[in-house]
């Protein structure tokens, strides 16, 4: 997962000067996490466990969707009639499963990005206002990339 370099520059890109002994300087707006190494390790373990569970859920849902897709419809139910001509219960179930897979894949991307932020030592920094995300929020949503204030603003502005 890539971030714009002006948001979270890597330490290598933050180096200034050509001398080997030059100390890395922080670019404007550079922030490091406010969490301890132990806290980061615990969040890393939590995120990895969530990731493993999601990968298993996605595989299970894909198997279910494939099995449902191979059955074929035997007639229309009231739900299928409401959805339109040619939409059977099996097709409806398959569409729901595919939607659930998309949601879980989106969450998987969020988790991968959070793991990347841990590697870059910027985990727990809001990508909206560059302030520290409270630990209580991170405990609730470990993959959060925005503080509560910025997340609410994004929800109000998103379609």
C-alpha atoms as a PDB file:
ATOM      1  CA  UNK A   1       0.000   0.000   0.000  1.00  0.00           C
ATOM      2  CA  UNK A   2       1.387   3.351  -0.974  1.00  0.00           C
ATOM      3  CA  UNK A   3       0.889   6.734   0.624  1.00  0.00           C
ATOM      4  CA  UNK A   4       1.623  10.080  -0.848  1.00  0.00           C
ATOM      5  CA  UNK A   5       5.181  10.964   0.064  1.00  0.00           C
ATOM      6  CA  UNK A   6       4.148  14.317   1.465  1.00  0.00           C
ATOM      7  CA  UNK A   7       1.897  12.540   3.992  1.00  0.00           C
ATOM      8  CA  UNK A   8       4.284   9.974   5.429  1.00  0.00           C
ATOM      9  CA  UNK A   9       7.793  10.218   4.000  1.00  0.00           C
ATOM     10  CA  UNK A  10      10.029   7.254   4.630  1.00  0.00           C
ATOM     11  CA  UNK A  11      13.176   7.860   6.707  1.00  0.00           C
ATOM     12  CA  UNK A  12      15.283   7.240   3.579  1.00  0.00           C
ATOM     13  CA  UNK A  13      13.500  10.003   1.700  1.00  0.00           C
ATOM     14  CA  UNK A  14      13.785  12.335   4.668  1.00  0.00           C
ATOM     15  CA  UNK A  15      17.595  12.307   4.477  1.00  0.00           C
ATOM     16  CA  UNK A  16      19.189  15.585   3.507  1.00  0.00           C
ATOM     17  CA  UNK A  17      22.755  16.011   2.306  1.00  0.00           C
ATOM     18  CA  UNK A  18      25.132  13.631   0.617  1.00  0.00           C
ATOM     19  CA  UNK A  19      27.584  12.923   3.423  1.00  0.00           C
ATOM     20  CA  UNK A  20      27.387   9.449   4.883  1.00  0.00           C
ATOM     21  CA  UNK A  21      27.471  10.835   8.392  1.00  0.00           C
ATOM     22  CA  UNK A  22      24.499  13.113   7.739  1.00  0.00           C
ATOM     23  CA  UNK A  23      21.756  12.430  10.269  1.00  0.00           C
ATOM     24  CA  UNK A  24      18.282  11.833   8.924  1.00  0.00           C
ATOM     25  CA  UNK A  25      16.243  15.002   9.184  1.00  0.00           C
ATOM     26  CA  UNK A  26      12.506  15.000   9.461  1.00  0.00           C
ATOM     27  CA  UNK A  27      10.570  16.415   6.587  1.00  0.00           C
ATOM     28  CA  UNK A  28       7.909  19.019   7.387  1.00  0.00           C
ATOM     29  CA  UNK A  29       4.895  17.393   8.958  1.00  0.00           C
ATOM     30  CA  UNK A  30       6.769  14.187   9.847  1.00  0.00           C
ATOM     31  CA  UNK A  31       5.230  12.465  12.828  1.00  0.00           C
ATOM     32  CA  UNK A  32       6.064   9.256  14.613  1.00  0.00           C
ATOM     33  CA  UNK A  33       3.696   7.089  16.539  1.00  0.00           C
ATOM     34  CA  UNK A  34       2.910   7.946  20.136  1.00  0.00           C
ATOM     35  CA  UNK A  35       2.608   4.278  21.059  1.00  0.00           C
ATOM     36  CA  UNK A  36       5.272   2.227  22.809  1.00  0.00           C
ATOM     37  CA  UNK A  37       7.050  -0.650  21.127  1.00  0.00           C
ATOM     38  CA  UNK A  38       5.061  -3.127  23.252  1.00  0.00           C
ATOM     39  CA  UNK A  39       1.763  -1.488  22.275  1.00  0.00           C
ATOM     40  CA  UNK A  40       2.755  -1.618  18.607  1.00  0.00           C
ATOM     41  CA  UNK A  41       3.604  -5.312  18.924  1.00  0.00           C
ATOM     42  CA  UNK A  42       0.213  -5.984  20.498  1.00  0.00           C
ATOM     43  CA  UNK A  43      -1.613  -4.077  17.729  1.00  0.00           C
ATOM     44  CA  UNK A  44       0.482  -5.965  15.177  1.00  0.00           C
ATOM     45  CA  UNK A  45      -0.595  -9.299  16.688  1.00  0.00           C
ATOM     46  CA  UNK A  46      -4.235  -8.186  16.805  1.00  0.00           C
ATOM     47  CA  UNK A  47      -4.175  -7.034  13.182  1.00  0.00           C
ATOM     48  CA  UNK A  48      -2.518 -10.252  12.012  1.00  0.00           C
ATOM     49  CA  UNK A  49      -5.136 -12.337  13.830  1.00  0.00           C
ATOM     50  CA  UNK A  50      -7.934 -10.272  12.256  1.00  0.00           C
ATOM     51  CA  UNK A  51      -6.271 -10.667   8.875  1.00  0.00           C
ATOM     52  CA  UNK A  52      -6.046 -14.465   9.201  1.00  0.00           C
ATOM     53  CA  UNK A  53      -9.727 -14.646  10.186  1.00  0.00           C
ATOM     54  CA  UNK A  54     -10.764 -12.461   7.237  1.00  0.00           C
ATOM     55  CA  UNK A  55      -8.762 -14.512   4.745  1.00  0.00           C
ATOM     56  CA  UNK A  56     -10.516 -17.644   6.017  1.00  0.00           C
ATOM     57  CA  UNK A  57     -13.928 -15.940   5.861  1.00  0.00           C
ATOM     58  CA  UNK A  58     -13.297 -14.791   2.295  1.00  0.00           C
ATOM     59  CA  UNK A  59     -12.270 -18.288   1.196  1.00  0.00           C
ATOM     60  CA  UNK A  60     -15.376 -19.789   2.842  1.00  0.00           C
ATOM     61  CA  UNK A  61     -17.682 -17.211   1.249  1.00  0.00           C
ATOM     62  CA  UNK A  62     -16.103 -17.749  -2.166  1.00  0.00           C
ATOM     63  CA  UNK A  63     -16.672 -21.499  -1.873  1.00  0.00           C
ATOM     64  CA  UNK A  64     -20.307 -20.899  -0.884  1.00  0.00           C
ATOM     65  CA  UNK A  65     -20.852 -18.487  -3.766  1.00  0.00           C
ATOM     66  CA  UNK A  66     -19.383 -20.951  -6.257  1.00  0.00           C
ATOM     67  CA  UNK A  67     -21.520 -23.797  -4.926  1.00  0.00           C
ATOM     68  CA  UNK A  68     -24.659 -21.644  -5.064  1.00  0.00           C
ATOM     69  CA  UNK A  69     -23.822 -20.494  -8.585  1.00  0.00           C
ATOM     70  CA  UNK A  70     -23.589 -24.071  -9.838  1.00  0.00           C
ATOM     71  CA  UNK A  71     -27.018 -25.174  -8.525  1.00  0.00           C
ATOM     72  CA  UNK A  72     -29.251 -23.378 -10.988  1.00  0.00           C
ATOM     73  CA  UNK A  73     -32.698 -22.000 -10.262  1.00  0.00           C
ATOM     74  CA  UNK A  74     -35.817 -24.134 -10.131  1.00  0.00           C
ATOM     75  CA  UNK A  75     -38.436 -21.421 -10.194  1.00  0.00           C
ATOM     76  CA  UNK A  76     -39.071 -17.969  -8.905  1.00  0.00           C
ATOM     77  CA  UNK A  77     -39.906 -17.149  -5.332  1.00  0.00           C
ATOM     78  CA  UNK A  78     -41.694 -14.003  -4.158  1.00  0.00           C
ATOM     79  CA  UNK A  79     -38.297 -12.390  -3.436  1.00  0.00           C
ATOM     80  CA  UNK A  80     -37.037 -13.178  -6.937  1.00  0.00           C
ATOM     81  CA  UNK A  81     -40.234 -11.804  -8.475  1.00  0.00           C
ATOM     82  CA  UNK A  82     -39.721  -8.573  -6.550  1.00  0.00           C
ATOM     83  CA  UNK A  83     -36.118  -8.304  -7.821  1.00  0.00           C
ATOM     84  CA  UNK A  84     -37.098  -8.664 -11.427  1.00  0.00           C
ATOM     85  CA  UNK A  85     -37.431 -11.330 -14.080  1.00  0.00           C
ATOM     86  CA  UNK A  86     -34.836 -14.075 -14.106  1.00  0.00           C
ATOM     87  CA  UNK A  87     -33.452 -13.532 -10.570  1.00  0.00           C
ATOM     88  CA  UNK A  88     -33.759 -16.749  -8.583  1.00  0.00           C
ATOM     89  CA  UNK A  89     -33.204 -17.233  -4.863  1.00  0.00           C
ATOM     90  CA  UNK A  90     -29.895 -18.916  -5.612  1.00  0.00           C
ATOM     91  CA  UNK A  91     -28.741 -15.970  -7.702  1.00  0.00           C
ATOM     92  CA  UNK A  92     -29.865 -13.571  -4.978  1.00  0.00           C
ATOM     93  CA  UNK A  93     -27.914 -15.544  -2.363  1.00  0.00           C
ATOM     94  CA  UNK A  94     -24.872 -15.542  -4.618  1.00  0.00           C
ATOM     95  CA  UNK A  95     -25.105 -11.766  -5.078  1.00  0.00           C
ATOM     96  CA  UNK A  96     -25.308 -11.307  -1.305  1.00  0.00           C
ATOM     97  CA  UNK A  97     -22.272 -13.554  -0.815  1.00  0.00           C
ATOM     98  CA  UNK A  98     -20.303 -11.614  -3.434  1.00  0.00           C
ATOM     99  CA  UNK A  99     -21.214  -8.349  -1.684  1.00  0.00           C
ATOM    100  CA  UNK A 100     -19.990  -9.777   1.627  1.00  0.00           C
ATOM    101  CA  UNK A 101     -16.750 -10.850  -0.049  1.00  0.00           C
ATOM    102  CA  UNK A 102     -16.224  -7.313  -1.382  1.00  0.00           C
ATOM    103  CA  UNK A 103     -16.803  -5.857   2.100  1.00  0.00           C
ATOM    104  CA  UNK A 104     -14.340  -8.279   3.665  1.00  0.00           C
ATOM    105  CA  UNK A 105     -11.731  -7.578   0.976  1.00  0.00           C
ATOM    106  CA  UNK A 106     -12.084  -3.866   1.663  1.00  0.00           C
ATOM    107  CA  UNK A 107     -11.513  -4.486   5.370  1.00  0.00           C
ATOM    108  CA  UNK A 108      -8.531  -6.680   4.493  1.00  0.00           C
ATOM    109  CA  UNK A 109      -7.004  -3.744   2.566  1.00  0.00           C
ATOM    110  CA  UNK A 110      -7.549  -1.501   5.606  1.00  0.00           C
ATOM    111  CA  UNK A 111      -5.759  -4.035   7.818  1.00  0.00           C
ATOM    112  CA  UNK A 112      -2.867  -4.340   5.356  1.00  0.00           C
ATOM    113  CA  UNK A 113      -2.526  -0.560   5.323  1.00  0.00           C
ATOM    114  CA  UNK A 114      -2.504  -0.497   9.136  1.00  0.00           C
ATOM    115  CA  UNK A 115       0.246  -3.141   9.187  1.00  0.00           C
ATOM    116  CA  UNK A 116       2.178  -0.992   6.713  1.00  0.00           C
ATOM    117  CA  UNK A 117       1.770   2.040   8.988  1.00  0.00           C
ATOM    118  CA  UNK A 118       3.206   0.016  11.874  1.00  0.00           C
ATOM    119  CA  UNK A 119       6.263  -0.782   9.721  1.00  0.00           C
ATOM    120  CA  UNK A 120       6.648   2.902   8.887  1.00  0.00           C
ATOM    121  CA  UNK A 121       6.277   3.851  12.576  1.00  0.00           C
ATOM    122  CA  UNK A 122       3.314   6.125  11.871  1.00  0.00           C
ATOM    123  CA  UNK A 123       0.582   3.848  13.219  1.00  0.00           C
ATOM    124  CA  UNK A 124      -1.879   5.791  15.364  1.00  0.00           C
ATOM    125  CA  UNK A 125      -1.397   9.092  13.529  1.00  0.00           C
ATOM    126  CA  UNK A 126      -4.517  10.525  11.908  1.00  0.00           C
ATOM    127  CA  UNK A 127      -4.133  10.882   8.155  1.00  0.00           C
ATOM    128  CA  UNK A 128      -6.552  13.806   8.197  1.00  0.00           C
ATOM    129  CA  UNK A 129      -5.086  16.188  10.767  1.00  0.00           C
ATOM    130  CA  UNK A 130      -1.804  14.413  11.661  1.00  0.00           C
ATOM    131  CA  UNK A 131      -2.695  14.266  15.338  1.00  0.00           C
ATOM    132  CA  UNK A 132      -2.425  11.195  17.522  1.00  0.00           C
ATOM    133  CA  UNK A 133      -5.411   8.844  17.353  1.00  0.00           C
ATOM    134  CA  UNK A 134      -6.467   8.056  20.939  1.00  0.00           C
ATOM    135  CA  UNK A 135      -5.515   4.577  22.072  1.00  0.00           C
ATOM    136  CA  UNK A 136      -9.143   3.917  23.047  1.00  0.00           C
ATOM    137  CA  UNK A 137     -10.176   4.357  19.384  1.00  0.00           C
ATOM    138  CA  UNK A 138      -7.365   2.112  18.197  1.00  0.00           C
ATOM    139  CA  UNK A 139      -8.465  -0.568  20.643  1.00  0.00           C
ATOM    140  CA  UNK A 140     -11.968  -0.440  19.145  1.00  0.00           C
ATOM    141  CA  UNK A 141     -10.853  -0.167  15.499  1.00  0.00           C
ATOM    142  CA  UNK A 142      -7.178  -1.198  15.234  1.00  0.00           C
ATOM    143  CA  UNK A 143      -7.047  -0.386  11.507  1.00  0.00           C
ATOM    144  CA  UNK A 144      -8.326   3.179  12.031  1.00  0.00           C
ATOM    145  CA  UNK A 145      -6.434   5.729   9.982  1.00  0.00           C
ATOM    146  CA  UNK A 146      -8.488   8.717  11.103  1.00  0.00           C
ATOM    147  CA  UNK A 147      -9.321  10.125  14.509  1.00  0.00           C
ATOM    148  CA  UNK A 148     -13.005  10.224  15.440  1.00  0.00           C
ATOM    149  CA  UNK A 149     -13.357  13.872  14.414  1.00  0.00           C
ATOM    150  CA  UNK A 150     -11.903  13.359  10.920  1.00  0.00           C
ATOM    151  CA  UNK A 151     -13.799  10.085  10.428  1.00  0.00           C
ATOM    152  CA  UNK A 152     -17.096  11.860  11.178  1.00  0.00           C
ATOM    153  CA  UNK A 153     -16.208  14.656   8.745  1.00  0.00           C
ATOM    154  CA  UNK A 154     -15.465  12.086   6.040  1.00  0.00           C
ATOM    155  CA  UNK A 155     -18.766  10.313   6.654  1.00  0.00           C
ATOM    156  CA  UNK A 156     -20.655  13.599   6.275  1.00  0.00           C
ATOM    157  CA  UNK A 157     -18.912  14.474   3.005  1.00  0.00           C
ATOM    158  CA  UNK A 158     -18.925  11.038   1.385  1.00  0.00           C
ATOM    159  CA  UNK A 159     -21.805  10.228  -0.967  1.00  0.00           C
END
